[in-house]
Amino acid sequence: MTETKTFKITGVINKHKLFIPLSFKKEIKAVKLEHALEKIYTELGSRHRAKRNQITILSVEELDNKVENSGY
C-alpha cells in the first residue's frame, strides 16, 4: 500500500490583467511530489483561469504526517 505525504506548496500567479501577483500557500496530500505539483497546477488553473506558465512555484516543503496523541 502506498503512503500519502503532505506537501506545503507556496507560489504566485502572474496574470497580465492583474497589477499585483496573487500569492498562494496550499497543503496537498499526494503520493509523490510530481502528483502534488500537478494537483496545484490543475486546481489553480481551474479556479483562477491561469495557464501553467503563469503559475510560479516558490517553495515545496514535505510536512511530517505523524499525528500526536492529545490524550483522548
PDB file of N, CA and C in Angstrom:
ATOM      1  N   MET A   1       0.848  -1.185   0.000  1.00  0.00           N
ATOM      2  CA  MET A   1       0.000   0.000   0.000  1.00  0.00           C
ATOM      3  C   MET A   1       0.887   1.240   0.000  1.00  0.00           C
ATOM      4  N   THR A   2       0.508   2.225  -0.763  1.00  0.00           N
ATOM      5  CA  THR A   2       1.319   3.428  -0.860  1.00  0.00           C
ATOM      6  C   THR A   2       0.980   4.389   0.275  1.00  0.00           C
ATOM      7  N   GLU A   3       1.991   5.094   0.700  1.00  0.00           N
ATOM      8  CA  GLU A   3       1.832   6.051   1.794  1.00  0.00           C
ATOM      9  C   GLU A   3       1.683   7.442   1.215  1.00  0.00           C
ATOM     10  N   THR A   4       0.642   8.139   1.637  1.00  0.00           N
ATOM     11  CA  THR A   4       0.459   9.509   1.167  1.00  0.00           C
ATOM     12  C   THR A   4       1.261  10.466   2.033  1.00  0.00           C
ATOM     13  N   LYS A   5       1.752  11.501   1.400  1.00  0.00           N
ATOM     14  CA  LYS A   5       2.537  12.528   2.067  1.00  0.00           C
ATOM     15  C   LYS A   5       1.802  13.852   1.936  1.00  0.00           C
ATOM     16  N   THR A   6       2.112  14.766   2.820  1.00  0.00           N
ATOM     17  CA  THR A   6       1.523  16.099   2.757  1.00  0.00           C
ATOM     18  C   THR A   6       2.613  17.086   2.364  1.00  0.00           C
ATOM     19  N   PHE A   7       2.336  17.866   1.313  1.00  0.00           N
ATOM     20  CA  PHE A   7       3.283  18.849   0.815  1.00  0.00           C
ATOM     21  C   PHE A   7       2.695  20.241   1.013  1.00  0.00           C
ATOM     22  N   LYS A   8       3.515  21.162   1.496  1.00  0.00           N
ATOM     23  CA  LYS A   8       3.127  22.562   1.632  1.00  0.00           C
ATOM     24  C   LYS A   8       3.793  23.317   0.482  1.00  0.00           C
ATOM     25  N   ILE A   9       2.974  23.859  -0.411  1.00  0.00           N
ATOM     26  CA  ILE A   9       3.463  24.486  -1.632  1.00  0.00           C
ATOM     27  C   ILE A   9       3.086  25.958  -1.614  1.00  0.00           C
ATOM     28  N   THR A  10       4.070  26.811  -1.852  1.00  0.00           N
ATOM     29  CA  THR A  10       3.828  28.249  -1.929  1.00  0.00           C
ATOM     30  C   THR A  10       4.284  28.756  -3.292  1.00  0.00           C
ATOM     31  N   GLY A  11       3.637  29.825  -3.747  1.00  0.00           N
ATOM     32  CA  GLY A  11       3.999  30.389  -5.034  1.00  0.00           C
ATOM     33  C   GLY A  11       3.168  31.605  -5.356  1.00  0.00           C
ATOM     34  N   VAL A  12       3.247  32.036  -6.608  1.00  0.00           N
ATOM     35  CA  VAL A  12       2.495  33.204  -7.077  1.00  0.00           C
ATOM     36  C   VAL A  12       1.864  32.903  -8.432  1.00  0.00           C
ATOM     37  N   ILE A  13       0.790  33.636  -8.721  1.00  0.00           N
ATOM     38  CA  ILE A  13       0.140  33.577 -10.025  1.00  0.00           C
ATOM     39  C   ILE A  13       0.309  34.951 -10.664  1.00  0.00           C
ATOM     40  N   ASN A  14       0.976  34.989 -11.806  1.00  0.00           N
ATOM     41  CA  ASN A  14       1.207  36.244 -12.529  1.00  0.00           C
ATOM     42  C   ASN A  14       0.291  36.284 -13.748  1.00  0.00           C
ATOM     43  N   LYS A  15      -0.774  37.061 -13.641  1.00  0.00           N
ATOM     44  CA  LYS A  15      -1.668  37.249 -14.778  1.00  0.00           C
ATOM     45  C   LYS A  15      -1.476  38.666 -15.300  1.00  0.00           C
ATOM     46  N   HIS A  16      -1.478  38.828 -16.602  1.00  0.00           N
ATOM     47  CA  HIS A  16      -1.198  40.142 -17.187  1.00  0.00           C
ATOM     48  C   HIS A  16      -2.294  41.164 -16.901  1.00  0.00           C
ATOM     49  N   LYS A  17      -3.503  40.728 -16.577  1.00  0.00           N
ATOM     50  CA  LYS A  17      -4.579  41.671 -16.271  1.00  0.00           C
ATOM     51  C   LYS A  17      -4.514  42.191 -14.835  1.00  0.00           C
ATOM     52  N   LEU A  18      -3.773  41.508 -13.980  1.00  0.00           N
ATOM     53  CA  LEU A  18      -3.665  41.925 -12.588  1.00  0.00           C
ATOM     54  C   LEU A  18      -2.402  42.744 -12.386  1.00  0.00           C
ATOM     55  N   PHE A  19      -2.485  43.775 -11.574  1.00  0.00           N
ATOM     56  CA  PHE A  19      -1.314  44.608 -11.318  1.00  0.00           C
ATOM     57  C   PHE A  19      -0.403  43.978 -10.263  1.00  0.00           C
ATOM     58  N   ILE A  20      -0.996  43.242  -9.329  1.00  0.00           N
ATOM     59  CA  ILE A  20      -0.243  42.616  -8.250  1.00  0.00           C
ATOM     60  C   ILE A  20      -0.385  41.104  -8.386  1.00  0.00           C
ATOM     61  N   PRO A  21       0.723  40.359  -8.339  1.00  0.00           N
ATOM     62  CA  PRO A  21       0.609  38.897  -8.423  1.00  0.00           C
ATOM     63  C   PRO A  21      -0.153  38.327  -7.220  1.00  0.00           C
ATOM     64  N   LEU A  22      -0.930  37.286  -7.474  1.00  0.00           N
ATOM     65  CA  LEU A  22      -1.652  36.593  -6.407  1.00  0.00           C
ATOM     66  C   LEU A  22      -0.718  35.572  -5.771  1.00  0.00           C
ATOM     67  N   SER A  23      -0.540  35.650  -4.470  1.00  0.00           N
ATOM     68  CA  SER A  23       0.295  34.659  -3.803  1.00  0.00           C
ATOM     69  C   SER A  23      -0.598  33.580  -3.203  1.00  0.00           C
ATOM     70  N   PHE A  24      -0.070  32.365  -3.104  1.00  0.00           N
ATOM     71  CA  PHE A  24      -0.837  31.264  -2.540  1.00  0.00           C
ATOM     72  C   PHE A  24       0.059  30.395  -1.671  1.00  0.00           C
ATOM     73  N   LYS A  25      -0.590  29.715  -0.738  1.00  0.00           N
ATOM     74  CA  LYS A  25       0.053  28.741   0.133  1.00  0.00           C
ATOM     75  C   LYS A  25      -0.968  27.631   0.338  1.00  0.00           C
ATOM     76  N   LYS A  26      -0.620  26.409  -0.046  1.00  0.00           N
ATOM     77  CA  LYS A  26      -1.600  25.333  -0.031  1.00  0.00           C
ATOM     78  C   LYS A  26      -0.944  24.031   0.422  1.00  0.00           C
ATOM     79  N   GLU A  27      -1.698  23.242   1.188  1.00  0.00           N
ATOM     80  CA  GLU A  27      -1.244  21.915   1.605  1.00  0.00           C
ATOM     81  C   GLU A  27      -1.981  20.882   0.766  1.00  0.00           C
ATOM     82  N   ILE A  28      -1.204  20.001   0.138  1.00  0.00           N
ATOM     83  CA  ILE A  28      -1.740  18.999  -0.767  1.00  0.00           C
ATOM     84  C   ILE A  28      -1.284  17.624  -0.300  1.00  0.00           C
ATOM     85  N   LYS A  29      -2.198  16.658  -0.296  1.00  0.00           N
ATOM     86  CA  LYS A  29      -1.844  15.267   0.006  1.00  0.00           C
ATOM     87  C   LYS A  29      -1.656  14.531  -1.309  1.00  0.00           C
ATOM     88  N   ALA A  30      -0.506  13.866  -1.439  1.00  0.00           N
ATOM     89  CA  ALA A  30      -0.205  13.119  -2.650  1.00  0.00           C
ATOM     90  C   ALA A  30       0.828  12.048  -2.331  1.00  0.00           C
ATOM     91  N   VAL A  31       0.985  11.111  -3.234  1.00  0.00           N
ATOM     92  CA  VAL A  31       1.964  10.039  -3.058  1.00  0.00           C
ATOM     93  C   VAL A  31       3.362  10.543  -3.389  1.00  0.00           C
ATOM     94  N   LYS A  32       3.480  11.298  -4.493  1.00  0.00           N
ATOM     95  CA  LYS A  32       4.782  11.813  -4.921  1.00  0.00           C
ATOM     96  C   LYS A  32       4.699  13.324  -5.109  1.00  0.00           C
ATOM     97  N   LEU A  33       5.855  13.950  -5.141  1.00  0.00           N
ATOM     98  CA  LEU A  33       5.937  15.391  -5.350  1.00  0.00           C
ATOM     99  C   LEU A  33       5.348  15.789  -6.702  1.00  0.00           C
ATOM    100  N   GLU A  34       5.601  14.998  -7.733  1.00  0.00           N
ATOM    101  CA  GLU A  34       5.087  15.311  -9.071  1.00  0.00           C
ATOM    102  C   GLU A  34       3.563  15.335  -9.082  1.00  0.00           C
ATOM    103  N   HIS A  35       2.947  14.433  -8.324  1.00  0.00           N
ATOM    104  CA  HIS A  35       1.484  14.408  -8.256  1.00  0.00           C
ATOM    105  C   HIS A  35       0.951  15.645  -7.539  1.00  0.00           C
ATOM    106  N   ALA A  36       1.650  16.086  -6.492  1.00  0.00           N
ATOM    107  CA  ALA A  36       1.231  17.280  -5.759  1.00  0.00           C
ATOM    108  C   ALA A  36       1.334  18.524  -6.649  1.00  0.00           C
ATOM    109  N   LEU A  37       2.407  18.637  -7.419  1.00  0.00           N
ATOM    110  CA  LEU A  37       2.566  19.782  -8.319  1.00  0.00           C
ATOM    111  C   LEU A  37       1.494  19.780  -9.409  1.00  0.00           C
ATOM    112  N   GLU A  38       1.180  18.615  -9.931  1.00  0.00           N
ATOM    113  CA  GLU A  38       0.134  18.508 -10.948  1.00  0.00           C
ATOM    114  C   GLU A  38      -1.207  18.949 -10.377  1.00  0.00           C
ATOM    115  N   LYS A  39      -1.484  18.565  -9.140  1.00  0.00           N
ATOM    116  CA  LYS A  39      -2.738  18.953  -8.491  1.00  0.00           C
ATOM    117  C   LYS A  39      -2.812  20.471  -8.285  1.00  0.00           C
ATOM    118  N   ILE A  40      -1.683  21.075  -7.900  1.00  0.00           N
ATOM    119  CA  ILE A  40      -1.637  22.539  -7.739  1.00  0.00           C
ATOM    120  C   ILE A  40      -1.927  23.232  -9.066  1.00  0.00           C
ATOM    121  N   TYR A  41      -1.263  22.796 -10.129  1.00  0.00           N
ATOM    122  CA  TYR A  41      -1.471  23.413 -11.434  1.00  0.00           C
ATOM    123  C   TYR A  41      -2.926  23.282 -11.896  1.00  0.00           C
ATOM    124  N   THR A  42      -3.532  22.117 -11.694  1.00  0.00           N
ATOM    125  CA  THR A  42      -4.906  21.932 -12.146  1.00  0.00           C
ATOM    126  C   THR A  42      -5.895  22.718 -11.299  1.00  0.00           C
ATOM    127  N   GLU A  43      -5.717  22.728  -9.972  1.00  0.00           N
ATOM    128  CA  GLU A  43      -6.647  23.455  -9.109  1.00  0.00           C
ATOM    129  C   GLU A  43      -6.570  24.965  -9.326  1.00  0.00           C
ATOM    130  N   LEU A  44      -5.354  25.510  -9.334  1.00  0.00           N
ATOM    131  CA  LEU A  44      -5.208  26.960  -9.503  1.00  0.00           C
ATOM    132  C   LEU A  44      -5.572  27.398 -10.917  1.00  0.00           C
ATOM    133  N   GLY A  45      -5.249  26.572 -11.882  1.00  0.00           N
ATOM    134  CA  GLY A  45      -5.614  26.897 -13.253  1.00  0.00           C
ATOM    135  C   GLY A  45      -7.115  26.915 -13.446  1.00  0.00           C
ATOM    136  N   SER A  46      -7.789  25.994 -12.797  1.00  0.00           N
ATOM    137  CA  SER A  46      -9.241  25.938 -12.898  1.00  0.00           C
ATOM    138  C   SER A  46      -9.902  27.071 -12.131  1.00  0.00           C
ATOM    139  N   ARG A  47      -9.421  27.342 -10.928  1.00  0.00           N
ATOM    140  CA  ARG A  47     -10.044  28.352 -10.069  1.00  0.00           C
ATOM    141  C   ARG A  47      -9.782  29.774 -10.561  1.00  0.00           C
ATOM    142  N   HIS A  48      -8.560  30.048 -11.037  1.00  0.00           N
ATOM    143  CA  HIS A  48      -8.184  31.420 -11.410  1.00  0.00           C
ATOM    144  C   HIS A  48      -8.000  31.602 -12.913  1.00  0.00           C
ATOM    145  N   ARG A  49      -8.325  30.576 -13.682  1.00  0.00           N
ATOM    146  CA  ARG A  49      -8.176  30.617 -15.144  1.00  0.00           C
ATOM    147  C   ARG A  49      -6.767  31.022 -15.546  1.00  0.00           C
ATOM    148  N   ALA A  50      -5.785  30.417 -14.889  1.00  0.00           N
ATOM    149  CA  ALA A  50      -4.381  30.727 -15.146  1.00  0.00           C
ATOM    150  C   ALA A  50      -3.737  29.580 -15.920  1.00  0.00           C
ATOM    151  N   LYS A  51      -2.899  29.917 -16.857  1.00  0.00           N
ATOM    152  CA  LYS A  51      -2.126  28.916 -17.586  1.00  0.00           C
ATOM    153  C   LYS A  51      -0.962  28.456 -16.709  1.00  0.00           C
ATOM    154  N   ARG A  52      -0.388  27.320 -17.057  1.00  0.00           N
ATOM    155  CA  ARG A  52       0.719  26.775 -16.259  1.00  0.00           C
ATOM    156  C   ARG A  52       1.926  27.693 -16.251  1.00  0.00           C
ATOM    157  N   ASN A  53       2.172  28.401 -17.337  1.00  0.00           N
ATOM    158  CA  ASN A  53       3.330  29.300 -17.366  1.00  0.00           C
ATOM    159  C   ASN A  53       3.091  30.576 -16.563  1.00  0.00           C
ATOM    160  N   GLN A  54       1.863  30.813 -16.096  1.00  0.00           N
ATOM    161  CA  GLN A  54       1.567  31.963 -15.242  1.00  0.00           C
ATOM    162  C   GLN A  54       1.680  31.622 -13.760  1.00  0.00           C
ATOM    163  N   ILE A  55       1.833  30.333 -13.428  1.00  0.00           N
ATOM    164  CA  ILE A  55       1.941  29.889 -12.038  1.00  0.00           C
ATOM    165  C   ILE A  55       3.406  29.603 -11.747  1.00  0.00           C
ATOM    166  N   THR A  56       3.944  30.264 -10.743  1.00  0.00           N
ATOM    167  CA  THR A  56       5.336  30.074 -10.343  1.00  0.00           C
ATOM    168  C   THR A  56       5.373  29.457  -8.950  1.00  0.00           C
ATOM    169  N   ILE A  57       6.016  28.303  -8.840  1.00  0.00           N
ATOM    170  CA  ILE A  57       6.173  27.624  -7.556  1.00  0.00           C
ATOM    171  C   ILE A  57       7.438  28.170  -6.895  1.00  0.00           C
ATOM    172  N   LEU A  58       7.302  28.730  -5.697  1.00  0.00           N
ATOM    173  CA  LEU A  58       8.451  29.296  -4.989  1.00  0.00           C
ATOM    174  C   LEU A  58       9.107  28.304  -4.044  1.00  0.00           C
ATOM    175  N   SER A  59       8.305  27.516  -3.331  1.00  0.00           N
ATOM    176  CA  SER A  59       8.893  26.542  -2.411  1.00  0.00           C
ATOM    177  C   SER A  59       7.950  25.369  -2.221  1.00  0.00           C
ATOM    178  N   VAL A  60       8.554  24.215  -1.968  1.00  0.00           N
ATOM    179  CA  VAL A  60       7.819  22.993  -1.670  1.00  0.00           C
ATOM    180  C   VAL A  60       8.448  22.392  -0.429  1.00  0.00           C
ATOM    181  N   GLU A  61       7.604  22.068   0.543  1.00  0.00           N
ATOM    182  CA  GLU A  61       8.082  21.508   1.806  1.00  0.00           C
ATOM    183  C   GLU A  61       7.242  20.279   2.131  1.00  0.00           C
ATOM    184  N   GLU A  62       7.917  19.174   2.451  1.00  0.00           N
ATOM    185  CA  GLU A  62       7.185  17.975   2.848  1.00  0.00           C
ATOM    186  C   GLU A  62       6.934  18.039   4.351  1.00  0.00           C
ATOM    187  N   LEU A  63       5.665  17.958   4.724  1.00  0.00           N
ATOM    188  CA  LEU A  63       5.295  18.048   6.127  1.00  0.00           C
ATOM    189  C   LEU A  63       5.313  16.667   6.769  1.00  0.00           C
ATOM    190  N   ASP A  64       5.510  16.652   8.063  1.00  0.00           N
ATOM    191  CA  ASP A  64       5.523  15.411   8.816  1.00  0.00           C
ATOM    192  C   ASP A  64       4.088  14.943   9.029  1.00  0.00           C
ATOM    193  N   ASN A  65       3.802  13.684   8.727  1.00  0.00           N
ATOM    194  CA  ASN A  65       2.445  13.161   8.830  1.00  0.00           C
ATOM    195  C   ASN A  65       2.153  12.528  10.179  1.00  0.00           C
ATOM    196  N   LYS A  66       3.057  12.614  11.116  1.00  0.00           N
ATOM    197  CA  LYS A  66       2.827  11.979  12.405  1.00  0.00           C
ATOM    198  C   LYS A  66       1.734  12.722  13.169  1.00  0.00           C
ATOM    199  N   VAL A  67       0.812  11.967  13.712  1.00  0.00           N
ATOM    200  CA  VAL A  67      -0.282  12.553  14.487  1.00  0.00           C
ATOM    201  C   VAL A  67       0.078  12.404  15.947  1.00  0.00           C
ATOM    202  N   GLU A  68       0.085  13.531  16.652  1.00  0.00           N
ATOM    203  CA  GLU A  68       0.431  13.493  18.061  1.00  0.00           C
ATOM    204  C   GLU A  68      -0.783  13.100  18.883  1.00  0.00           C
ATOM    205  N   ASN A  69      -0.576  12.298  19.892  1.00  0.00           N
ATOM    206  CA  ASN A  69      -1.639  11.865  20.770  1.00  0.00           C
ATOM    207  C   ASN A  69      -1.951  12.986  21.748  1.00  0.00           C
ATOM    208  N   SER A  70      -3.200  13.456  21.756  1.00  0.00           N
ATOM    209  CA  SER A  70      -3.558  14.560  22.604  1.00  0.00           C
ATOM    210  C   SER A  70      -4.145  14.107  23.946  1.00  0.00           C
ATOM    211  N   GLY A  71      -4.130  12.809  24.206  1.00  0.00           N
ATOM    212  CA  GLY A  71      -4.600  12.300  25.481  1.00  0.00           C
ATOM    213  C   GLY A  71      -6.048  11.869  25.494  1.00  0.00           C
ATOM    214  N   TYR A  72      -6.711  11.899  24.353  1.00  0.00           N
ATOM    215  CA  TYR A  72      -8.111  11.483  24.301  1.00  0.00           C
ATOM    216  C   TYR A  72      -8.239  10.060  23.866  1.00  0.00           C
TER     217      TYR A  72
END
